[in-house]
Every structure is written in structure tokens, then in C-alpha cells.
């Protein structure tokens, strides 16, 4: 499991300054993209138990949780049994759901 990085206030301040410079036309888009990449959050891994607890927290069944994640109910079952592990994209969605709720991935 990856540890969550502590917010780096200096890096955050530099990133804000870089965004301002880019908006003012004083920083190239490629340089701005490099600053953005430096400031990406760490994506947390989830164990089988953590995935089940996350799903249970929102009181949804495996098929409903699968629909939110655009995967099959069997995949959710396998994650919760520890047979398979979520891909990097699925981990990103799990992180978003964990921090923002199911509404973040709901279709409008």
C-alpha cells in the first residue's frame, strides 16, 4: 500500500505561481505540464477488505458498485476476495469515490 504524501506547501506555492505565469502567457504549456505532473496526488492501493468496506460505506451491492466503476459484478467480487486487484484506472476511481463519494463517478 502506498503512503499518502504530506502536502508540500512550498511545492503548492510554486505550482500556483506557475499557473499564474502560464495564464499570463509567460510560461510554455509543456513547462506547465511538468509542474502539473510534479503535483499529482499519490494514488492509494486498496486491499480486498478495504474495497468491501468502501462499497459497504455507500450501502450498495456489488452489481451497483460495478456499474459505478464501469466493470462487471464478478470483477468486484474478485477484488473483494483478493483474487484480482484493481488496475491503475480502477484505483484512481476508487480513490475518487473514497474521497468524494459515489456522485463523483455518477453519469449525468
PDB file of N, CA and C in Angstrom:
ATOM      1  N   UNK A   1       0.846  -1.173   0.000  1.00  0.00           N
ATOM      2  CA  UNK A   1       0.000   0.000   0.000  1.00  0.00           C
ATOM      3  C   UNK A   1       0.895   1.241   0.000  1.00  0.00           C
ATOM      4  N   UNK A   2       0.537   2.213  -0.804  1.00  0.00           N
ATOM      5  CA  UNK A   2       1.320   3.446  -0.875  1.00  0.00           C
ATOM      6  C   UNK A   2       0.936   4.362   0.276  1.00  0.00           C
ATOM      7  N   UNK A   3       1.929   5.032   0.795  1.00  0.00           N
ATOM      8  CA  UNK A   3       1.643   6.018   1.827  1.00  0.00           C
ATOM      9  C   UNK A   3       1.229   7.322   1.178  1.00  0.00           C
ATOM     10  N   UNK A   4       0.318   7.984   1.826  1.00  0.00           N
ATOM     11  CA  UNK A   4      -0.143   9.282   1.322  1.00  0.00           C
ATOM     12  C   UNK A   4       0.927  10.326   1.600  1.00  0.00           C
ATOM     13  N   UNK A   5       1.238  11.100   0.562  1.00  0.00           N
ATOM     14  CA  UNK A   5       2.225  12.156   0.731  1.00  0.00           C
ATOM     15  C   UNK A   5       1.638  13.299   1.540  1.00  0.00           C
ATOM     16  N   UNK A   6       2.463  13.885   2.399  1.00  0.00           N
ATOM     17  CA  UNK A   6       2.033  15.080   3.109  1.00  0.00           C
ATOM     18  C   UNK A   6       2.045  16.241   2.120  1.00  0.00           C
ATOM     19  N   UNK A   7       1.091  17.141   2.251  1.00  0.00           N
ATOM     20  CA  UNK A   7       1.092  18.289   1.351  1.00  0.00           C
ATOM     21  C   UNK A   7       2.386  19.090   1.510  1.00  0.00           C
ATOM     22  N   UNK A   8       2.980  19.435   0.399  1.00  0.00           N
ATOM     23  CA  UNK A   8       4.199  20.218   0.396  1.00  0.00           C
ATOM     24  C   UNK A   8       3.802  21.655   0.073  1.00  0.00           C
ATOM     25  N   UNK A   9       3.785  22.491   1.092  1.00  0.00           N
ATOM     26  CA  UNK A   9       3.310  23.875   0.906  1.00  0.00           C
ATOM     27  C   UNK A   9       4.182  24.663  -0.064  1.00  0.00           C
ATOM     28  N   UNK A  10       5.475  24.400  -0.056  1.00  0.00           N
ATOM     29  CA  UNK A  10       6.362  25.112  -0.983  1.00  0.00           C
ATOM     30  C   UNK A  10       6.032  24.706  -2.416  1.00  0.00           C
ATOM     31  N   UNK A  11       5.872  23.391  -2.637  1.00  0.00           N
ATOM     32  CA  UNK A  11       5.539  22.914  -3.981  1.00  0.00           C
ATOM     33  C   UNK A  11       4.179  23.457  -4.421  1.00  0.00           C
ATOM     34  N   UNK A  12       3.225  23.522  -3.498  1.00  0.00           N
ATOM     35  CA  UNK A  12       1.907  24.079  -3.825  1.00  0.00           C
ATOM     36  C   UNK A  12       2.025  25.551  -4.226  1.00  0.00           C
ATOM     37  N   UNK A  13       2.834  26.292  -3.506  1.00  0.00           N
ATOM     38  CA  UNK A  13       3.016  27.718  -3.815  1.00  0.00           C
ATOM     39  C   UNK A  13       3.695  27.898  -5.172  1.00  0.00           C
ATOM     40  N   UNK A  14       4.693  27.079  -5.452  1.00  0.00           N
ATOM     41  CA  UNK A  14       5.383  27.154  -6.743  1.00  0.00           C
ATOM     42  C   UNK A  14       4.417  26.796  -7.867  1.00  0.00           C
ATOM     43  N   UNK A  15       3.580  25.791  -7.622  1.00  0.00           N
ATOM     44  CA  UNK A  15       2.608  25.386  -8.640  1.00  0.00           C
ATOM     45  C   UNK A  15       1.606  26.510  -8.919  1.00  0.00           C
ATOM     46  N   UNK A  16       1.135  27.161  -7.874  1.00  0.00           N
ATOM     47  CA  UNK A  16       0.208  28.287  -8.052  1.00  0.00           C
ATOM     48  C   UNK A  16       0.863  29.409  -8.859  1.00  0.00           C
ATOM     49  N   UNK A  17       2.121  29.691  -8.553  1.00  0.00           N
ATOM     50  CA  UNK A  17       2.856  30.724  -9.289  1.00  0.00           C
ATOM     51  C   UNK A  17       3.018  30.324 -10.748  1.00  0.00           C
ATOM     52  N   UNK A  18       3.328  29.043 -10.972  1.00  0.00           N
ATOM     53  CA  UNK A  18       3.479  28.550 -12.346  1.00  0.00           C
ATOM     54  C   UNK A  18       2.161  28.698 -13.113  1.00  0.00           C
ATOM     55  N   UNK A  19       1.027  28.381 -12.476  1.00  0.00           N
ATOM     56  CA  UNK A  19      -0.273  28.539 -13.140  1.00  0.00           C
ATOM     57  C   UNK A  19      -0.507  29.997 -13.523  1.00  0.00           C
ATOM     58  N   UNK A  20      -0.163  30.908 -12.618  1.00  0.00           N
ATOM     59  CA  UNK A  20      -0.323  32.335 -12.903  1.00  0.00           C
ATOM     60  C   UNK A  20       0.556  32.768 -14.072  1.00  0.00           C
ATOM     61  N   UNK A  21       1.797  32.291 -14.081  1.00  0.00           N
ATOM     62  CA  UNK A  21       2.714  32.629 -15.179  1.00  0.00           C
ATOM     63  C   UNK A  21       2.204  32.078 -16.506  1.00  0.00           C
ATOM     64  N   UNK A  22       1.666  30.863 -16.469  1.00  0.00           N
ATOM     65  CA  UNK A  22       1.129  30.263 -17.693  1.00  0.00           C
ATOM     66  C   UNK A  22      -0.076  31.060 -18.186  1.00  0.00           C
ATOM     67  N   UNK A  23      -0.979  31.424 -17.272  1.00  0.00           N
ATOM     68  CA  UNK A  23      -2.160  32.195 -17.656  1.00  0.00           C
ATOM     69  C   UNK A  23      -1.784  33.560 -18.216  1.00  0.00           C
ATOM     70  N   UNK A  24      -0.681  34.103 -17.735  1.00  0.00           N
ATOM     71  CA  UNK A  24      -0.221  35.408 -18.230  1.00  0.00           C
ATOM     72  C   UNK A  24       0.549  35.280 -19.540  1.00  0.00           C
ATOM     73  N   UNK A  25       0.729  34.044 -20.004  1.00  0.00           N
ATOM     74  CA  UNK A  25       1.447  33.830 -21.260  1.00  0.00           C
ATOM     75  C   UNK A  25       2.952  33.843 -21.114  1.00  0.00           C
ATOM     76  N   UNK A  26       3.446  33.740 -19.890  1.00  0.00           N
ATOM     77  CA  UNK A  26       4.880  33.800 -19.647  1.00  0.00           C
ATOM     78  C   UNK A  26       5.523  32.428 -19.435  1.00  0.00           C
ATOM     79  N   UNK A  27       4.713  31.364 -19.486  1.00  0.00           N
ATOM     80  CA  UNK A  27       5.243  30.021 -19.307  1.00  0.00           C
ATOM     81  C   UNK A  27       4.642  29.120 -20.387  1.00  0.00           C
ATOM     82  N   UNK A  28       5.494  28.353 -21.035  1.00  0.00           N
ATOM     83  CA  UNK A  28       5.083  27.439 -22.098  1.00  0.00           C
ATOM     84  C   UNK A  28       4.209  26.325 -21.522  1.00  0.00           C
ATOM     85  N   UNK A  29       3.276  25.823 -22.322  1.00  0.00           N
ATOM     86  CA  UNK A  29       2.349  24.785 -21.874  1.00  0.00           C
ATOM     87  C   UNK A  29       3.076  23.501 -21.459  1.00  0.00           C
ATOM     88  N   UNK A  30       4.182  23.176 -22.127  1.00  0.00           N
ATOM     89  CA  UNK A  30       4.933  21.970 -21.774  1.00  0.00           C
ATOM     90  C   UNK A  30       5.560  22.115 -20.380  1.00  0.00           C
ATOM     91  N   UNK A  31       6.079  23.280 -20.071  1.00  0.00           N
ATOM     92  CA  UNK A  31       6.643  23.529 -18.742  1.00  0.00           C
ATOM     93  C   UNK A  31       5.544  23.446 -17.692  1.00  0.00           C
ATOM     94  N   UNK A  32       4.361  23.986 -18.014  1.00  0.00           N
ATOM     95  CA  UNK A  32       3.235  23.922 -17.089  1.00  0.00           C
ATOM     96  C   UNK A  32       2.829  22.468 -16.852  1.00  0.00           C
ATOM     97  N   UNK A  33       2.850  21.657 -17.887  1.00  0.00           N
ATOM     98  CA  UNK A  33       2.505  20.241 -17.760  1.00  0.00           C
ATOM     99  C   UNK A  33       3.481  19.527 -16.828  1.00  0.00           C
ATOM    100  N   UNK A  34       4.752  19.920 -16.877  1.00  0.00           N
ATOM    101  CA  UNK A  34       5.752  19.330 -15.985  1.00  0.00           C
ATOM    102  C   UNK A  34       5.474  19.710 -14.533  1.00  0.00           C
ATOM    103  N   UNK A  35       5.074  20.936 -14.287  1.00  0.00           N
ATOM    104  CA  UNK A  35       4.698  21.356 -12.928  1.00  0.00           C
ATOM    105  C   UNK A  35       3.469  20.584 -12.457  1.00  0.00           C
ATOM    106  N   UNK A  36       2.485  20.420 -13.357  1.00  0.00           N
ATOM    107  CA  UNK A  36       1.283  19.663 -13.006  1.00  0.00           C
ATOM    108  C   UNK A  36       1.643  18.234 -12.598  1.00  0.00           C
ATOM    109  N   UNK A  37       2.530  17.611 -13.355  1.00  0.00           N
ATOM    110  CA  UNK A  37       2.925  16.225 -13.060  1.00  0.00           C
ATOM    111  C   UNK A  37       3.605  16.114 -11.694  1.00  0.00           C
ATOM    112  N   UNK A  38       4.374  17.117 -11.321  1.00  0.00           N
ATOM    113  CA  UNK A  38       5.039  17.109 -10.016  1.00  0.00           C
ATOM    114  C   UNK A  38       4.047  17.150  -8.861  1.00  0.00           C
ATOM    115  N   UNK A  39       2.891  17.719  -9.114  1.00  0.00           N
ATOM    116  CA  UNK A  39       1.919  17.954  -8.048  1.00  0.00           C
ATOM    117  C   UNK A  39       0.781  16.945  -8.022  1.00  0.00           C
ATOM    118  N   UNK A  40       0.885  15.873  -8.811  1.00  0.00           N
ATOM    119  CA  UNK A  40      -0.170  14.859  -8.804  1.00  0.00           C
ATOM    120  C   UNK A  40      -0.207  14.150  -7.459  1.00  0.00           C
ATOM    121  N   UNK A  41      -1.411  13.872  -6.955  1.00  0.00           N
ATOM    122  CA  UNK A  41      -1.508  13.163  -5.677  1.00  0.00           C
ATOM    123  C   UNK A  41      -1.101  11.700  -5.830  1.00  0.00           C
ATOM    124  N   UNK A  42      -0.671  11.095  -4.741  1.00  0.00           N
ATOM    125  CA  UNK A  42      -0.343   9.686  -4.726  1.00  0.00           C
ATOM    126  C   UNK A  42      -1.653   8.896  -4.730  1.00  0.00           C
ATOM    127  N   UNK A  43      -1.706   7.873  -5.556  1.00  0.00           N
ATOM    128  CA  UNK A  43      -2.896   7.033  -5.636  1.00  0.00           C
ATOM    129  C   UNK A  43      -2.738   5.884  -4.650  1.00  0.00           C
ATOM    130  N   UNK A  44      -3.696   5.769  -3.750  1.00  0.00           N
ATOM    131  CA  UNK A  44      -3.690   4.751  -2.714  1.00  0.00           C
ATOM    132  C   UNK A  44      -4.112   3.407  -3.296  1.00  0.00           C
ATOM    133  N   UNK A  45      -3.464   2.329  -2.862  1.00  0.00           N
ATOM    134  CA  UNK A  45      -3.897   0.974  -3.203  1.00  0.00           C
ATOM    135  C   UNK A  45      -4.921   0.524  -2.176  1.00  0.00           C
ATOM    136  N   UNK A  46      -5.785  -0.392  -2.561  1.00  0.00           N
ATOM    137  CA  UNK A  46      -6.822  -0.894  -1.676  1.00  0.00           C
ATOM    138  C   UNK A  46      -6.728  -2.410  -1.575  1.00  0.00           C
ATOM    139  N   UNK A  47      -6.797  -2.911  -0.353  1.00  0.00           N
ATOM    140  CA  UNK A  47      -6.837  -4.355  -0.129  1.00  0.00           C
ATOM    141  C   UNK A  47      -8.258  -4.841  -0.394  1.00  0.00           C
ATOM    142  N   UNK A  48      -8.427  -6.142  -0.431  1.00  0.00           N
ATOM    143  CA  UNK A  48      -9.756  -6.723  -0.635  1.00  0.00           C
ATOM    144  C   UNK A  48     -10.729  -6.234   0.440  1.00  0.00           C
ATOM    145  N   UNK A  49     -10.288  -6.227   1.669  1.00  0.00           N
ATOM    146  CA  UNK A  49     -11.135  -5.791   2.786  1.00  0.00           C
ATOM    147  C   UNK A  49     -11.488  -4.313   2.652  1.00  0.00           C
ATOM    148  N   UNK A  50     -10.525  -3.484   2.257  1.00  0.00           N
ATOM    149  CA  UNK A  50     -10.779  -2.055   2.104  1.00  0.00           C
ATOM    150  C   UNK A  50     -11.780  -1.775   0.981  1.00  0.00           C
ATOM    151  N   UNK A  51     -11.713  -2.557  -0.096  1.00  0.00           N
ATOM    152  CA  UNK A  51     -12.657  -2.366  -1.201  1.00  0.00           C
ATOM    153  C   UNK A  51     -14.070  -2.707  -0.729  1.00  0.00           C
ATOM    154  N   UNK A  52     -14.194  -3.816  -0.002  1.00  0.00           N
ATOM    155  CA  UNK A  52     -15.511  -4.207   0.518  1.00  0.00           C
ATOM    156  C   UNK A  52     -16.046  -3.158   1.494  1.00  0.00           C
ATOM    157  N   UNK A  53     -15.177  -2.642   2.368  1.00  0.00           N
ATOM    158  CA  UNK A  53     -15.603  -1.607   3.316  1.00  0.00           C
ATOM    159  C   UNK A  53     -16.022  -0.334   2.585  1.00  0.00           C
ATOM    160  N   UNK A  54     -15.296   0.021   1.528  1.00  0.00           N
ATOM    161  CA  UNK A  54     -15.638   1.208   0.743  1.00  0.00           C
ATOM    162  C   UNK A  54     -17.021   1.038   0.119  1.00  0.00           C
ATOM    163  N   UNK A  55     -17.265  -0.117  -0.493  1.00  0.00           N
ATOM    164  CA  UNK A  55     -18.571  -0.384  -1.092  1.00  0.00           C
ATOM    165  C   UNK A  55     -19.665  -0.362  -0.030  1.00  0.00           C
ATOM    166  N   UNK A  56     -19.398  -0.981   1.097  1.00  0.00           N
ATOM    167  CA  UNK A  56     -20.379  -1.047   2.193  1.00  0.00           C
ATOM    168  C   UNK A  56     -20.682   0.334   2.765  1.00  0.00           C
ATOM    169  N   UNK A  57     -19.675   1.199   2.771  1.00  0.00           N
ATOM    170  CA  UNK A  57     -19.865   2.557   3.294  1.00  0.00           C
ATOM    171  C   UNK A  57     -20.962   3.301   2.542  1.00  0.00           C
ATOM    172  N   UNK A  58     -21.110   2.995   1.259  1.00  0.00           N
ATOM    173  CA  UNK A  58     -22.120   3.656   0.442  1.00  0.00           C
ATOM    174  C   UNK A  58     -23.391   2.818   0.297  1.00  0.00           C
ATOM    175  N   UNK A  59     -23.439   1.697   1.011  1.00  0.00           N
ATOM    176  CA  UNK A  59     -24.638   0.852   1.055  1.00  0.00           C
ATOM    177  C   UNK A  59     -25.112   0.427  -0.331  1.00  0.00           C
ATOM    178  N   UNK A  60     -24.170  -0.041  -1.148  1.00  0.00           N
ATOM    179  CA  UNK A  60     -24.534  -0.520  -2.481  1.00  0.00           C
ATOM    180  C   UNK A  60     -24.072  -1.969  -2.645  1.00  0.00           C
ATOM    181  N   UNK A  61     -24.790  -2.687  -3.498  1.00  0.00           N
ATOM    182  CA  UNK A  61     -24.445  -4.077  -3.801  1.00  0.00           C
ATOM    183  C   UNK A  61     -23.250  -4.126  -4.748  1.00  0.00           C
ATOM    184  N   UNK A  62     -22.705  -5.321  -4.919  1.00  0.00           N
ATOM    185  CA  UNK A  62     -21.602  -5.473  -5.868  1.00  0.00           C
ATOM    186  C   UNK A  62     -22.010  -5.085  -7.290  1.00  0.00           C
ATOM    187  N   UNK A  63     -23.192  -5.489  -7.766  1.00  0.00           N
ATOM    188  CA  UNK A  63     -23.584  -5.067  -9.122  1.00  0.00           C
ATOM    189  C   UNK A  63     -23.722  -3.545  -9.277  1.00  0.00           C
ATOM    190  N   UNK A  64     -24.249  -2.886  -8.264  1.00  0.00           N
ATOM    191  CA  UNK A  64     -24.388  -1.418  -8.338  1.00  0.00           C
ATOM    192  C   UNK A  64     -23.016  -0.757  -8.307  1.00  0.00           C
ATOM    193  N   UNK A  65     -22.134  -1.226  -7.418  1.00  0.00           N
ATOM    194  CA  UNK A  65     -20.773  -0.680  -7.333  1.00  0.00           C
ATOM    195  C   UNK A  65     -20.050  -0.898  -8.664  1.00  0.00           C
ATOM    196  N   UNK A  66     -20.256  -2.077  -9.258  1.00  0.00           N
ATOM    197  CA  UNK A  66     -19.647  -2.383 -10.556  1.00  0.00           C
ATOM    198  C   UNK A  66     -20.120  -1.407 -11.624  1.00  0.00           C
ATOM    199  N   UNK A  67     -21.410  -1.069 -11.587  1.00  0.00           N
ATOM    200  CA  UNK A  67     -21.944  -0.127 -12.568  1.00  0.00           C
ATOM    201  C   UNK A  67     -21.277   1.244 -12.428  1.00  0.00           C
ATOM    202  N   UNK A  68     -21.073   1.697 -11.205  1.00  0.00           N
ATOM    203  CA  UNK A  68     -20.394   2.978 -10.992  1.00  0.00           C
ATOM    204  C   UNK A  68     -18.967   2.952 -11.538  1.00  0.00           C
ATOM    205  N   UNK A  69     -18.315   1.796 -11.425  1.00  0.00           N
ATOM    206  CA  UNK A  69     -16.923   1.674 -11.857  1.00  0.00           C
ATOM    207  C   UNK A  69     -16.791   1.189 -13.298  1.00  0.00           C
ATOM    208  N   UNK A  70     -17.940   0.992 -13.962  1.00  0.00           N
ATOM    209  CA  UNK A  70     -17.951   0.510 -15.341  1.00  0.00           C
ATOM    210  C   UNK A  70     -17.182  -0.804 -15.487  1.00  0.00           C
ATOM    211  N   UNK A  71     -17.475  -1.725 -14.592  1.00  0.00           N
ATOM    212  CA  UNK A  71     -16.864  -3.046 -14.632  1.00  0.00           C
ATOM    213  C   UNK A  71     -17.940  -4.075 -14.321  1.00  0.00           C
ATOM    214  N   UNK A  72     -17.577  -5.326 -14.254  1.00  0.00           N
ATOM    215  CA  UNK A  72     -18.569  -6.374 -14.003  1.00  0.00           C
ATOM    216  C   UNK A  72     -18.700  -6.664 -12.506  1.00  0.00           C
ATOM    217  N   UNK A  73     -19.873  -7.156 -12.096  1.00  0.00           N
ATOM    218  CA  UNK A  73     -20.025  -7.561 -10.695  1.00  0.00           C
ATOM    219  C   UNK A  73     -19.018  -8.647 -10.298  1.00  0.00           C
ATOM    220  N   UNK A  74     -18.673  -9.513 -11.254  1.00  0.00           N
ATOM    221  CA  UNK A  74     -17.692 -10.562 -10.976  1.00  0.00           C
ATOM    222  C   UNK A  74     -16.317  -9.963 -10.654  1.00  0.00           C
ATOM    223  N   UNK A  75     -15.973  -8.883 -11.321  1.00  0.00           N
ATOM    224  CA  UNK A  75     -14.694  -8.212 -11.037  1.00  0.00           C
ATOM    225  C   UNK A  75     -14.682  -7.668  -9.614  1.00  0.00           C
ATOM    226  N   UNK A  76     -15.776  -7.037  -9.202  1.00  0.00           N
ATOM    227  CA  UNK A  76     -15.873  -6.516  -7.831  1.00  0.00           C
ATOM    228  C   UNK A  76     -15.743  -7.670  -6.842  1.00  0.00           C
ATOM    229  N   UNK A  77     -16.438  -8.763  -7.122  1.00  0.00           N
ATOM    230  CA  UNK A  77     -16.379  -9.950  -6.256  1.00  0.00           C
ATOM    231  C   UNK A  77     -14.936 -10.447  -6.134  1.00  0.00           C
ATOM    232  N   UNK A  78     -14.232 -10.521  -7.260  1.00  0.00           N
ATOM    233  CA  UNK A  78     -12.841 -10.995  -7.249  1.00  0.00           C
ATOM    234  C   UNK A  78     -11.925 -10.032  -6.501  1.00  0.00           C
ATOM    235  N   UNK A  79     -12.155  -8.719  -6.628  1.00  0.00           N
ATOM    236  CA  UNK A  79     -11.373  -7.743  -5.860  1.00  0.00           C
ATOM    237  C   UNK A  79     -11.595  -7.956  -4.375  1.00  0.00           C
ATOM    238  N   UNK A  80     -12.860  -8.133  -3.984  1.00  0.00           N
ATOM    239  CA  UNK A  80     -13.195  -8.273  -2.565  1.00  0.00           C
ATOM    240  C   UNK A  80     -12.721  -9.604  -1.985  1.00  0.00           C
ATOM    241  N   UNK A  81     -12.496 -10.587  -2.833  1.00  0.00           N
ATOM    242  CA  UNK A  81     -11.964 -11.877  -2.385  1.00  0.00           C
ATOM    243  C   UNK A  81     -10.439 -11.923  -2.465  1.00  0.00           C
ATOM    244  N   UNK A  82      -9.835 -10.898  -3.053  1.00  0.00           N
ATOM    245  CA  UNK A  82      -8.387 -10.858  -3.183  1.00  0.00           C
ATOM    246  C   UNK A  82      -7.855 -11.708  -4.328  1.00  0.00           C
ATOM    247  N   UNK A  83      -8.753 -12.183  -5.196  1.00  0.00           N
ATOM    248  CA  UNK A  83      -8.353 -13.000  -6.341  1.00  0.00           C
ATOM    249  C   UNK A  83      -7.680 -12.133  -7.409  1.00  0.00           C
ATOM    250  N   UNK A  84      -8.233 -10.948  -7.618  1.00  0.00           N
ATOM    251  CA  UNK A  84      -7.683  -9.981  -8.565  1.00  0.00           C
ATOM    252  C   UNK A  84      -7.514  -8.650  -7.859  1.00  0.00           C
ATOM    253  N   UNK A  85      -6.770  -7.754  -8.496  1.00  0.00           N
ATOM    254  CA  UNK A  85      -6.538  -6.420  -7.947  1.00  0.00           C
ATOM    255  C   UNK A  85      -6.928  -5.378  -8.983  1.00  0.00           C
ATOM    256  N   UNK A  86      -7.424  -4.240  -8.535  1.00  0.00           N
ATOM    257  CA  UNK A  86      -7.836  -3.189  -9.476  1.00  0.00           C
ATOM    258  C   UNK A  86      -6.666  -2.673 -10.316  1.00  0.00           C
ATOM    259  N   UNK A  87      -6.974  -2.331 -11.560  1.00  0.00           N
ATOM    260  CA  UNK A  87      -5.981  -1.714 -12.445  1.00  0.00           C
ATOM    261  C   UNK A  87      -5.715  -0.290 -11.975  1.00  0.00           C
ATOM    262  N   UNK A  88      -4.777   0.378 -12.612  1.00  0.00           N
ATOM    263  CA  UNK A  88      -4.440   1.750 -12.213  1.00  0.00           C
ATOM    264  C   UNK A  88      -5.627   2.696 -12.402  1.00  0.00           C
ATOM    265  N   UNK A  89      -6.390   2.517 -13.488  1.00  0.00           N
ATOM    266  CA  UNK A  89      -7.560   3.368 -13.714  1.00  0.00           C
ATOM    267  C   UNK A  89      -8.627   3.096 -12.655  1.00  0.00           C
ATOM    268  N   UNK A  90      -8.838   1.823 -12.349  1.00  0.00           N
ATOM    269  CA  UNK A  90      -9.814   1.466 -11.320  1.00  0.00           C
ATOM    270  C   UNK A  90      -9.386   2.017  -9.962  1.00  0.00           C
ATOM    271  N   UNK A  91      -8.083   1.977  -9.676  1.00  0.00           N
ATOM    272  CA  UNK A  91      -7.587   2.538  -8.411  1.00  0.00           C
ATOM    273  C   UNK A  91      -7.863   4.038  -8.344  1.00  0.00           C
ATOM    274  N   UNK A  92      -7.691   4.713  -9.456  1.00  0.00           N
ATOM    275  CA  UNK A  92      -7.984   6.145  -9.497  1.00  0.00           C
ATOM    276  C   UNK A  92      -9.457   6.386  -9.178  1.00  0.00           C
ATOM    277  N   UNK A  93     -10.347   5.606  -9.771  1.00  0.00           N
ATOM    278  CA  UNK A  93     -11.774   5.750  -9.487  1.00  0.00           C
ATOM    279  C   UNK A  93     -12.094   5.410  -8.031  1.00  0.00           C
ATOM    280  N   UNK A  94     -11.475   4.364  -7.496  1.00  0.00           N
ATOM    281  CA  UNK A  94     -11.692   4.013  -6.089  1.00  0.00           C
ATOM    282  C   UNK A  94     -11.248   5.154  -5.177  1.00  0.00           C
ATOM    283  N   UNK A  95     -10.115   5.771  -5.492  1.00  0.00           N
ATOM    284  CA  UNK A  95      -9.633   6.912  -4.712  1.00  0.00           C
ATOM    285  C   UNK A  95     -10.621   8.071  -4.776  1.00  0.00           C
ATOM    286  N   UNK A  96     -11.133   8.357  -5.971  1.00  0.00           N
ATOM    287  CA  UNK A  96     -12.110   9.437  -6.117  1.00  0.00           C
ATOM    288  C   UNK A  96     -13.372   9.150  -5.315  1.00  0.00           C
ATOM    289  N   UNK A  97     -13.864   7.913  -5.415  1.00  0.00           N
ATOM    290  CA  UNK A  97     -15.057   7.534  -4.654  1.00  0.00           C
ATOM    291  C   UNK A  97     -14.790   7.647  -3.162  1.00  0.00           C
ATOM    292  N   UNK A  98     -13.635   7.193  -2.729  1.00  0.00           N
ATOM    293  CA  UNK A  98     -13.284   7.235  -1.309  1.00  0.00           C
ATOM    294  C   UNK A  98     -13.273   8.661  -0.773  1.00  0.00           C
ATOM    295  N   UNK A  99     -12.758   9.602  -1.564  1.00  0.00           N
ATOM    296  CA  UNK A  99     -12.613  10.978  -1.093  1.00  0.00           C
ATOM    297  C   UNK A  99     -13.795  11.886  -1.432  1.00  0.00           C
ATOM    298  N   UNK A 100     -14.515  11.585  -2.529  1.00  0.00           N
ATOM    299  CA  UNK A 100     -15.571  12.496  -2.987  1.00  0.00           C
ATOM    300  C   UNK A 100     -16.960  11.873  -2.978  1.00  0.00           C
ATOM    301  N   UNK A 101     -17.058  10.557  -2.825  1.00  0.00           N
ATOM    302  CA  UNK A 101     -18.350   9.904  -2.844  1.00  0.00           C
ATOM    303  C   UNK A 101     -18.699   9.330  -4.205  1.00  0.00           C
ATOM    304  N   UNK A 102     -19.742   8.518  -4.252  1.00  0.00           N
ATOM    305  CA  UNK A 102     -20.151   7.890  -5.497  1.00  0.00           C
ATOM    306  C   UNK A 102     -20.606   8.901  -6.553  1.00  0.00           C
ATOM    307  N   UNK A 103     -21.096  10.044  -6.106  1.00  0.00           N
ATOM    308  CA  UNK A 103     -21.603  11.039  -7.051  1.00  0.00           C
ATOM    309  C   UNK A 103     -20.529  11.507  -8.027  1.00  0.00           C
ATOM    310  N   UNK A 104     -19.274  11.398  -7.620  1.00  0.00           N
ATOM    311  CA  UNK A 104     -18.170  11.878  -8.464  1.00  0.00           C
ATOM    312  C   UNK A 104     -18.062  11.075  -9.765  1.00  0.00           C
ATOM    313  N   UNK A 105     -18.504   9.816  -9.734  1.00  0.00           N
ATOM    314  CA  UNK A 105     -18.409   8.976 -10.934  1.00  0.00           C
ATOM    315  C   UNK A 105     -19.782   8.677 -11.526  1.00  0.00           C
ATOM    316  N   UNK A 106     -20.825   9.299 -10.999  1.00  0.00           N
ATOM    317  CA  UNK A 106     -22.179   9.047 -11.494  1.00  0.00           C
ATOM    318  C   UNK A 106     -22.379   9.726 -12.851  1.00  0.00           C
ATOM    319  N   UNK A 107     -23.136   9.066 -13.690  1.00  0.00           N
ATOM    320  CA  UNK A 107     -23.460   9.634 -15.001  1.00  0.00           C
ATOM    321  C   UNK A 107     -24.509  10.713 -14.833  1.00  0.00           C
ATOM    322  N   UNK A 108     -24.362  11.780 -15.592  1.00  0.00           N
ATOM    323  CA  UNK A 108     -25.340  12.879 -15.561  1.00  0.00           C
ATOM    324  C   UNK A 108     -26.220  12.828 -16.775  1.00  0.00           C
TER     325      UNK A 108
END
